[in-house]
Amino acid sequence: MPAYCFRLCTPDHHPHPTEQRELPDLRPALIAGHGLARKLLRHRGARAPLHGSLDIEDERNQPVARILLADLARQLS
């Protein structure tokens, strides 16, 4: 099963912990990524909005998808 890495990227370039999961293909990786991004946004709460993206990378550390946090925050509001 392929491994996908979920990497939070913010404008301040502060290093954030990554999460890696083994998932069958890109679709479950996107679903997991959206879940992680929603969790990040809920954790932020009413504090300053979180800018940046949650990047999904394959086993070779190549980007395969990007979830823009500001767009997701607008969808959730």
Protein backbone atom coordinates (compact mmCIF):
# COMPACT_ATOMS: atom_id res chain seq x y z
CA MET A 1 0.00 0.00 0.00
CA PRO A 2 1.40 3.45 -0.86
CA ALA A 3 2.40 5.85 1.89
CA TYR A 4 1.21 9.46 1.83
CA CYS A 5 2.74 12.30 3.82
CA PHE A 6 0.61 15.20 5.06
CA ARG A 7 2.66 18.38 5.45
CA LEU A 8 1.34 21.68 6.84
CA CYS A 9 2.88 24.64 4.97
CA THR A 10 2.43 28.15 6.37
CA PRO A 11 3.65 31.55 5.12
CA ASP A 12 6.08 31.88 8.05
CA HIS A 13 7.85 28.67 6.89
CA HIS A 14 7.81 27.41 10.47
CA PRO A 15 8.47 23.66 10.47
CA HIS A 16 5.38 21.67 11.43
CA PRO A 17 5.23 17.98 12.27
CA THR A 18 4.22 15.77 9.36
CA GLU A 19 1.96 12.78 9.44
CA GLN A 20 2.40 9.72 7.28
CA ARG A 21 -0.25 7.12 6.52
CA GLU A 22 -0.47 4.08 4.31
CA LEU A 23 -3.54 4.38 2.12
CA PRO A 24 -4.70 2.45 -0.98
CA ASP A 25 -4.66 5.41 -3.39
CA LEU A 26 -5.10 9.16 -3.78
CA ARG A 27 -8.84 9.29 -3.05
CA PRO A 28 -8.53 8.04 0.56
CA ALA A 29 -5.47 10.30 0.95
CA LEU A 30 -7.57 13.32 -0.06
CA ILE A 31 -10.33 12.31 2.36
CA ALA A 32 -7.77 11.91 5.16
CA GLY A 33 -6.16 15.24 4.22
CA HIS A 34 -9.48 17.07 4.39
CA GLY A 35 -10.11 15.50 7.80
CA LEU A 36 -6.72 16.66 9.07
CA ALA A 37 -7.24 20.17 7.66
CA ARG A 38 -10.67 20.44 9.27
CA LYS A 39 -9.18 19.31 12.58
CA LEU A 40 -6.48 22.01 12.29
CA LEU A 41 -9.10 24.67 11.57
CA ARG A 42 -11.34 23.56 14.46
CA HIS A 43 -8.33 23.57 16.79
CA ARG A 44 -7.60 27.16 15.72
CA GLY A 45 -11.13 28.19 16.66
CA ALA A 46 -11.75 31.94 16.74
CA ARG A 47 -8.05 32.80 16.87
CA ALA A 48 -6.37 34.39 13.87
CA PRO A 49 -7.17 32.50 10.68
CA LEU A 50 -4.69 29.88 9.61
CA HIS A 51 -3.12 30.64 6.24
CA GLY A 52 -1.25 28.18 4.11
CA SER A 53 -1.94 24.71 2.86
CA LEU A 54 -1.90 21.07 3.75
CA ASP A 55 0.20 19.37 1.11
CA ILE A 56 -0.16 15.69 0.35
CA GLU A 57 2.97 13.97 -0.93
CA ASP A 58 3.55 10.48 -2.23
CA GLU A 59 6.26 8.02 -1.16
CA ARG A 60 8.85 9.85 -3.27
CA ASN A 61 8.02 13.16 -1.51
CA GLN A 62 6.40 14.45 -4.70
CA PRO A 63 3.32 16.66 -4.20
CA VAL A 64 0.12 15.02 -5.39
CA ALA A 65 -2.48 17.39 -3.88
CA ARG A 66 -2.79 20.66 -1.98
CA ILE A 67 -5.64 21.74 0.31
CA LEU A 68 -5.78 25.52 0.74
CA LEU A 69 -6.75 26.20 4.35
CA ALA A 70 -8.38 29.59 3.68
CA ASP A 71 -10.66 28.04 1.02
CA LEU A 72 -11.62 25.20 3.34
CA ALA A 73 -12.30 27.67 6.20
CA ARG A 74 -14.68 29.61 3.92
CA GLN A 75 -16.48 26.39 2.98
CA LEU A 76 -16.92 25.48 6.64
CA SER A 77 -18.23 28.89 7.71
